[in-house]
N, C-alpha and C. Protein backbone atom coordinates (compact mmCIF):
# COMPACT_ATOMS: atom_id res chain seq x y z
N UNK A 1 -32.36 -83.74 39.99
CA UNK A 1 -33.27 -82.72 39.51
C UNK A 1 -32.70 -82.13 38.23
N UNK A 2 -33.48 -82.13 37.16
CA UNK A 2 -33.08 -81.53 35.89
C UNK A 2 -33.99 -80.35 35.62
N UNK A 3 -33.38 -79.17 35.53
CA UNK A 3 -34.15 -77.95 35.29
C UNK A 3 -33.95 -77.51 33.84
N UNK A 4 -35.05 -77.38 33.14
CA UNK A 4 -35.05 -76.87 31.77
C UNK A 4 -35.33 -75.37 31.84
N UNK A 5 -34.26 -74.56 31.75
CA UNK A 5 -34.41 -73.11 31.77
C UNK A 5 -34.19 -72.61 30.34
N UNK A 6 -35.26 -72.66 29.56
CA UNK A 6 -35.20 -72.29 28.14
C UNK A 6 -36.60 -71.91 27.68
N UNK A 7 -36.72 -71.57 26.42
CA UNK A 7 -38.03 -71.29 25.81
C UNK A 7 -38.64 -72.54 25.17
N UNK A 8 -38.02 -73.68 25.39
CA UNK A 8 -38.47 -74.92 24.76
C UNK A 8 -39.06 -75.84 25.83
N UNK A 9 -40.38 -75.78 25.99
CA UNK A 9 -41.02 -76.57 27.05
C UNK A 9 -40.77 -78.05 26.84
N UNK A 10 -40.55 -78.74 27.93
CA UNK A 10 -40.19 -80.15 27.85
C UNK A 10 -41.30 -81.03 27.29
N UNK A 11 -42.55 -80.58 27.37
CA UNK A 11 -43.64 -81.40 26.83
C UNK A 11 -43.54 -81.55 25.31
N UNK A 12 -42.73 -80.71 24.66
CA UNK A 12 -42.54 -80.81 23.21
C UNK A 12 -41.22 -81.50 22.84
N UNK A 13 -40.48 -81.99 23.83
CA UNK A 13 -39.21 -82.66 23.58
C UNK A 13 -39.44 -84.06 23.02
N UNK A 14 -38.45 -84.57 22.36
CA UNK A 14 -38.49 -85.95 21.86
C UNK A 14 -38.35 -86.91 23.03
N UNK A 15 -38.73 -88.15 22.80
CA UNK A 15 -38.58 -89.18 23.82
C UNK A 15 -37.11 -89.32 24.24
N UNK A 16 -36.22 -89.24 23.27
CA UNK A 16 -34.79 -89.37 23.57
C UNK A 16 -34.31 -88.25 24.50
N UNK A 17 -34.72 -87.01 24.24
CA UNK A 17 -34.29 -85.90 25.08
C UNK A 17 -34.89 -86.02 26.48
N UNK A 18 -36.15 -86.41 26.57
CA UNK A 18 -36.79 -86.61 27.87
C UNK A 18 -36.07 -87.70 28.66
N UNK A 19 -35.73 -88.78 28.00
CA UNK A 19 -35.04 -89.89 28.65
C UNK A 19 -33.68 -89.45 29.20
N UNK A 20 -32.95 -88.69 28.41
CA UNK A 20 -31.63 -88.21 28.85
C UNK A 20 -31.77 -87.24 30.03
N UNK A 21 -32.75 -86.35 29.98
CA UNK A 21 -32.95 -85.40 31.07
C UNK A 21 -33.34 -86.11 32.36
N UNK A 22 -34.18 -87.10 32.26
CA UNK A 22 -34.68 -87.80 33.45
C UNK A 22 -33.62 -88.67 34.12
N UNK A 23 -32.50 -88.87 33.46
CA UNK A 23 -31.39 -89.59 34.10
C UNK A 23 -30.88 -88.80 35.30
N UNK A 24 -31.13 -87.49 35.31
CA UNK A 24 -30.70 -86.63 36.41
C UNK A 24 -31.77 -86.48 37.48
N UNK A 25 -32.93 -87.05 37.26
CA UNK A 25 -34.02 -86.96 38.24
C UNK A 25 -35.24 -86.30 37.65
N UNK A 26 -36.06 -85.78 38.53
CA UNK A 26 -37.31 -85.13 38.13
C UNK A 26 -37.01 -83.95 37.20
N UNK A 27 -37.88 -83.73 36.22
CA UNK A 27 -37.73 -82.67 35.23
C UNK A 27 -38.66 -81.52 35.56
N UNK A 28 -38.09 -80.31 35.65
CA UNK A 28 -38.86 -79.10 35.95
C UNK A 28 -38.57 -78.06 34.88
N UNK A 29 -39.62 -77.41 34.37
CA UNK A 29 -39.47 -76.31 33.42
C UNK A 29 -39.50 -74.98 34.14
N UNK A 30 -38.52 -74.13 33.85
CA UNK A 30 -38.56 -72.73 34.26
C UNK A 30 -38.45 -71.94 32.97
N UNK A 31 -39.52 -71.27 32.54
CA UNK A 31 -39.48 -70.54 31.26
C UNK A 31 -38.43 -69.43 31.26
N UNK A 32 -37.66 -69.37 30.20
CA UNK A 32 -36.66 -68.32 30.05
C UNK A 32 -37.40 -67.01 29.78
N UNK A 33 -37.02 -65.94 30.48
CA UNK A 33 -37.76 -64.68 30.34
C UNK A 33 -37.42 -63.93 29.06
N UNK A 34 -38.34 -63.06 28.68
CA UNK A 34 -38.04 -62.11 27.61
C UNK A 34 -37.05 -61.11 28.18
N UNK A 35 -35.97 -60.85 27.45
CA UNK A 35 -34.98 -59.88 27.89
C UNK A 35 -35.03 -58.70 26.92
N UNK A 36 -35.53 -57.59 27.41
CA UNK A 36 -35.64 -56.39 26.60
C UNK A 36 -34.25 -55.94 26.16
N UNK A 37 -34.04 -55.66 24.89
CA UNK A 37 -32.71 -55.24 24.43
C UNK A 37 -32.25 -53.93 25.06
N UNK A 38 -33.17 -53.19 25.67
CA UNK A 38 -32.82 -51.93 26.32
C UNK A 38 -32.53 -52.09 27.81
N UNK A 39 -32.55 -53.33 28.32
CA UNK A 39 -32.23 -53.57 29.73
C UNK A 39 -30.83 -53.05 30.04
N UNK A 40 -30.70 -52.49 31.21
CA UNK A 40 -29.38 -52.07 31.67
C UNK A 40 -28.65 -53.27 32.26
N UNK A 41 -27.35 -53.12 32.47
CA UNK A 41 -26.59 -54.17 33.12
C UNK A 41 -27.15 -54.48 34.50
N UNK A 42 -27.57 -53.46 35.21
CA UNK A 42 -28.13 -53.66 36.54
C UNK A 42 -29.42 -54.48 36.48
N UNK A 43 -30.25 -54.20 35.49
CA UNK A 43 -31.50 -54.96 35.35
C UNK A 43 -31.21 -56.42 35.01
N UNK A 44 -30.25 -56.64 34.15
CA UNK A 44 -29.89 -58.03 33.81
C UNK A 44 -29.33 -58.73 35.04
N UNK A 45 -28.48 -58.04 35.79
CA UNK A 45 -27.92 -58.64 37.01
C UNK A 45 -29.02 -58.98 38.02
N UNK A 46 -30.05 -58.15 38.11
CA UNK A 46 -31.19 -58.46 38.98
C UNK A 46 -31.90 -59.73 38.52
N UNK A 47 -32.07 -59.86 37.21
CA UNK A 47 -32.69 -61.07 36.66
C UNK A 47 -31.82 -62.29 36.97
N UNK A 48 -30.53 -62.15 36.79
CA UNK A 48 -29.61 -63.26 37.09
C UNK A 48 -29.76 -63.68 38.54
N UNK A 49 -29.74 -62.72 39.45
CA UNK A 49 -29.87 -63.03 40.87
C UNK A 49 -31.21 -63.70 41.17
N UNK A 50 -32.28 -63.20 40.57
CA UNK A 50 -33.61 -63.77 40.78
C UNK A 50 -33.67 -65.23 40.34
N UNK A 51 -33.20 -65.51 39.12
CA UNK A 51 -33.26 -66.89 38.62
C UNK A 51 -32.26 -67.80 39.32
N UNK A 52 -31.11 -67.26 39.69
CA UNK A 52 -30.14 -68.03 40.46
C UNK A 52 -30.78 -68.51 41.77
N UNK A 53 -31.42 -67.59 42.48
CA UNK A 53 -32.06 -67.94 43.75
C UNK A 53 -33.19 -68.95 43.54
N UNK A 54 -33.93 -68.81 42.46
CA UNK A 54 -35.01 -69.75 42.16
C UNK A 54 -34.45 -71.15 41.89
N UNK A 55 -33.38 -71.22 41.12
CA UNK A 55 -32.77 -72.51 40.77
C UNK A 55 -32.13 -73.16 42.00
N UNK A 56 -31.49 -72.36 42.84
CA UNK A 56 -30.77 -72.91 43.99
C UNK A 56 -31.70 -73.44 45.09
N UNK A 57 -33.00 -73.23 44.95
CA UNK A 57 -33.96 -73.81 45.90
C UNK A 57 -34.09 -75.32 45.69
N UNK A 58 -33.67 -75.79 44.52
CA UNK A 58 -33.76 -77.22 44.21
C UNK A 58 -32.50 -77.93 44.70
N UNK A 59 -32.68 -79.17 45.13
CA UNK A 59 -31.58 -79.96 45.64
C UNK A 59 -30.75 -80.53 44.49
N UNK A 60 -29.47 -80.18 44.46
CA UNK A 60 -28.51 -80.72 43.49
C UNK A 60 -29.02 -80.63 42.04
N UNK A 61 -29.34 -79.42 41.57
CA UNK A 61 -29.89 -79.30 40.21
C UNK A 61 -28.83 -79.46 39.11
N UNK A 62 -29.27 -79.98 37.99
CA UNK A 62 -28.54 -79.90 36.72
C UNK A 62 -29.42 -79.01 35.86
N UNK A 63 -28.82 -78.00 35.22
CA UNK A 63 -29.61 -76.99 34.53
C UNK A 63 -29.29 -76.96 33.04
N UNK A 64 -30.30 -77.16 32.20
CA UNK A 64 -30.14 -76.87 30.77
C UNK A 64 -30.53 -75.41 30.62
N UNK A 65 -29.54 -74.60 30.24
CA UNK A 65 -29.76 -73.16 30.19
C UNK A 65 -29.47 -72.66 28.78
N UNK A 66 -30.51 -72.17 28.11
CA UNK A 66 -30.39 -71.67 26.75
C UNK A 66 -31.34 -70.50 26.58
N UNK A 67 -30.80 -69.37 26.15
CA UNK A 67 -31.62 -68.20 25.95
C UNK A 67 -30.76 -67.01 25.57
N UNK A 68 -31.28 -65.82 25.81
CA UNK A 68 -30.56 -64.57 25.47
C UNK A 68 -29.15 -64.65 26.02
N UNK A 69 -28.18 -64.25 25.19
CA UNK A 69 -26.77 -64.52 25.47
C UNK A 69 -26.22 -63.90 26.75
N UNK A 70 -26.48 -62.63 27.00
CA UNK A 70 -25.86 -61.96 28.15
C UNK A 70 -26.39 -62.53 29.45
N UNK A 71 -27.71 -62.66 29.56
CA UNK A 71 -28.29 -63.25 30.77
C UNK A 71 -27.79 -64.68 30.94
N UNK A 72 -27.78 -65.45 29.87
CA UNK A 72 -27.31 -66.84 29.94
C UNK A 72 -25.86 -66.91 30.41
N UNK A 73 -25.00 -66.11 29.80
CA UNK A 73 -23.58 -66.13 30.14
C UNK A 73 -23.36 -65.83 31.62
N UNK A 74 -24.01 -64.80 32.11
CA UNK A 74 -23.83 -64.40 33.51
C UNK A 74 -24.39 -65.45 34.47
N UNK A 75 -25.55 -66.01 34.14
CA UNK A 75 -26.15 -67.01 35.02
C UNK A 75 -25.36 -68.32 34.97
N UNK A 76 -24.90 -68.71 33.80
CA UNK A 76 -24.08 -69.93 33.69
C UNK A 76 -22.85 -69.80 34.57
N UNK A 77 -22.17 -68.67 34.49
CA UNK A 77 -20.97 -68.47 35.30
C UNK A 77 -21.28 -68.51 36.79
N UNK A 78 -22.37 -67.89 37.19
CA UNK A 78 -22.74 -67.86 38.61
C UNK A 78 -23.09 -69.26 39.11
N UNK A 79 -23.85 -70.01 38.31
CA UNK A 79 -24.21 -71.37 38.70
C UNK A 79 -22.98 -72.27 38.78
N UNK A 80 -22.12 -72.19 37.78
CA UNK A 80 -20.91 -73.02 37.77
C UNK A 80 -20.00 -72.68 38.95
N UNK A 81 -19.91 -71.41 39.32
CA UNK A 81 -19.09 -71.00 40.46
C UNK A 81 -19.63 -71.60 41.76
N UNK A 82 -20.92 -71.95 41.77
CA UNK A 82 -21.54 -72.58 42.94
C UNK A 82 -21.52 -74.11 42.85
N UNK A 83 -20.88 -74.64 41.81
CA UNK A 83 -20.78 -76.08 41.66
C UNK A 83 -21.94 -76.74 40.96
N UNK A 84 -22.81 -75.94 40.33
CA UNK A 84 -23.95 -76.50 39.62
C UNK A 84 -23.54 -76.90 38.21
N UNK A 85 -23.94 -78.09 37.80
CA UNK A 85 -23.70 -78.56 36.43
C UNK A 85 -24.69 -77.88 35.50
N UNK A 86 -24.16 -77.22 34.45
CA UNK A 86 -25.00 -76.52 33.48
C UNK A 86 -24.73 -77.11 32.11
N UNK A 87 -25.80 -77.42 31.38
CA UNK A 87 -25.67 -78.08 30.08
C UNK A 87 -26.46 -77.34 29.01
N UNK A 88 -26.14 -77.67 27.77
CA UNK A 88 -26.91 -77.20 26.62
C UNK A 88 -27.39 -78.42 25.86
N UNK A 89 -28.59 -78.32 25.30
CA UNK A 89 -29.10 -79.37 24.45
C UNK A 89 -28.50 -79.21 23.06
N UNK A 90 -27.92 -80.28 22.55
CA UNK A 90 -27.29 -80.23 21.22
C UNK A 90 -28.10 -81.09 20.26
N UNK A 91 -28.38 -80.51 19.10
CA UNK A 91 -29.21 -81.18 18.11
C UNK A 91 -28.54 -81.14 16.74
N UNK A 92 -28.95 -82.07 15.91
CA UNK A 92 -28.53 -82.05 14.51
C UNK A 92 -29.63 -81.36 13.71
N UNK A 93 -29.23 -80.36 12.94
CA UNK A 93 -30.21 -79.64 12.11
C UNK A 93 -30.12 -80.15 10.68
N UNK A 94 -31.28 -80.46 10.14
CA UNK A 94 -31.37 -80.83 8.73
C UNK A 94 -32.28 -79.81 8.06
N UNK A 95 -31.75 -79.16 7.03
CA UNK A 95 -32.51 -78.13 6.34
C UNK A 95 -32.80 -78.58 4.91
N UNK A 96 -34.04 -78.43 4.55
CA UNK A 96 -34.49 -78.74 3.19
C UNK A 96 -34.92 -77.43 2.55
N UNK A 97 -34.38 -77.16 1.38
CA UNK A 97 -34.73 -75.92 0.69
C UNK A 97 -35.25 -76.27 -0.69
N UNK A 98 -36.34 -75.65 -1.07
CA UNK A 98 -36.88 -75.88 -2.41
C UNK A 98 -37.52 -74.61 -2.93
N UNK A 99 -37.62 -74.54 -4.24
CA UNK A 99 -38.19 -73.37 -4.90
C UNK A 99 -39.58 -73.74 -5.40
N UNK A 100 -40.55 -72.92 -5.00
CA UNK A 100 -41.94 -73.14 -5.41
C UNK A 100 -42.10 -72.72 -6.88
N UNK A 101 -43.24 -73.05 -7.46
CA UNK A 101 -43.53 -72.68 -8.85
C UNK A 101 -43.51 -71.18 -9.06
N UNK A 102 -43.86 -70.41 -8.02
CA UNK A 102 -43.88 -68.95 -8.16
C UNK A 102 -42.51 -68.33 -7.84
N UNK A 103 -41.48 -69.16 -7.81
CA UNK A 103 -40.09 -68.75 -7.53
C UNK A 103 -39.83 -68.38 -6.07
N UNK A 104 -40.79 -68.64 -5.22
CA UNK A 104 -40.61 -68.41 -3.79
C UNK A 104 -39.76 -69.54 -3.21
N UNK A 105 -38.70 -69.20 -2.51
CA UNK A 105 -37.85 -70.20 -1.88
C UNK A 105 -38.37 -70.49 -0.48
N UNK A 106 -38.52 -71.77 -0.19
CA UNK A 106 -38.99 -72.20 1.12
C UNK A 106 -37.91 -73.05 1.76
N UNK A 107 -37.72 -72.83 3.05
CA UNK A 107 -36.72 -73.58 3.80
C UNK A 107 -37.41 -74.21 5.01
N UNK A 108 -37.16 -75.48 5.20
CA UNK A 108 -37.72 -76.21 6.34
C UNK A 108 -36.56 -76.81 7.13
N UNK A 109 -36.57 -76.59 8.44
CA UNK A 109 -35.52 -77.15 9.29
C UNK A 109 -36.11 -78.15 10.25
N UNK A 110 -35.41 -79.26 10.41
CA UNK A 110 -35.77 -80.27 11.39
C UNK A 110 -34.61 -80.41 12.36
N UNK A 111 -34.93 -80.54 13.63
CA UNK A 111 -33.90 -80.67 14.66
C UNK A 111 -34.07 -82.01 15.36
N UNK A 112 -32.98 -82.78 15.43
CA UNK A 112 -33.01 -84.05 16.14
C UNK A 112 -32.04 -83.97 17.31
N UNK A 113 -32.56 -84.15 18.52
CA UNK A 113 -31.73 -84.11 19.71
C UNK A 113 -30.65 -85.18 19.65
N UNK A 114 -29.43 -84.79 20.02
CA UNK A 114 -28.30 -85.73 20.05
C UNK A 114 -27.85 -85.99 21.49
N UNK A 115 -27.57 -84.91 22.23
CA UNK A 115 -27.07 -85.09 23.60
C UNK A 115 -27.07 -83.76 24.34
N UNK A 116 -26.84 -83.84 25.64
CA UNK A 116 -26.57 -82.65 26.44
C UNK A 116 -25.06 -82.53 26.57
N UNK A 117 -24.56 -81.30 26.43
CA UNK A 117 -23.12 -81.05 26.60
C UNK A 117 -22.94 -80.02 27.72
N UNK A 118 -21.96 -80.30 28.56
CA UNK A 118 -21.72 -79.43 29.70
C UNK A 118 -20.95 -78.18 29.31
N UNK A 119 -21.35 -77.05 29.89
CA UNK A 119 -20.61 -75.80 29.69
C UNK A 119 -19.32 -75.88 30.48
């Protein structure tokens, strides 16, 4: 079971990323929540517990976890302490920058999936 816990829905992933994720089994998306910057530690811990329990319902999950740093850090640690493999999607970024005729600078970034790396 491969769980995508991020803001990047798997239906928009490249064939290469989908192929790598499916090596772990069925692919399931769990959308990463909006984390209000005014959340208290207790509120974040409640979110961690909620998503931890949701993830642990799956048999032998591998979790790609990417999102707001504090929630991610706490959940990654909790999952790893339970023996769950947690990974991040790693991509190569190519940025093209050019100046328009009106002197406006435009930047375009392309991301190409390379691999999953374990936390």
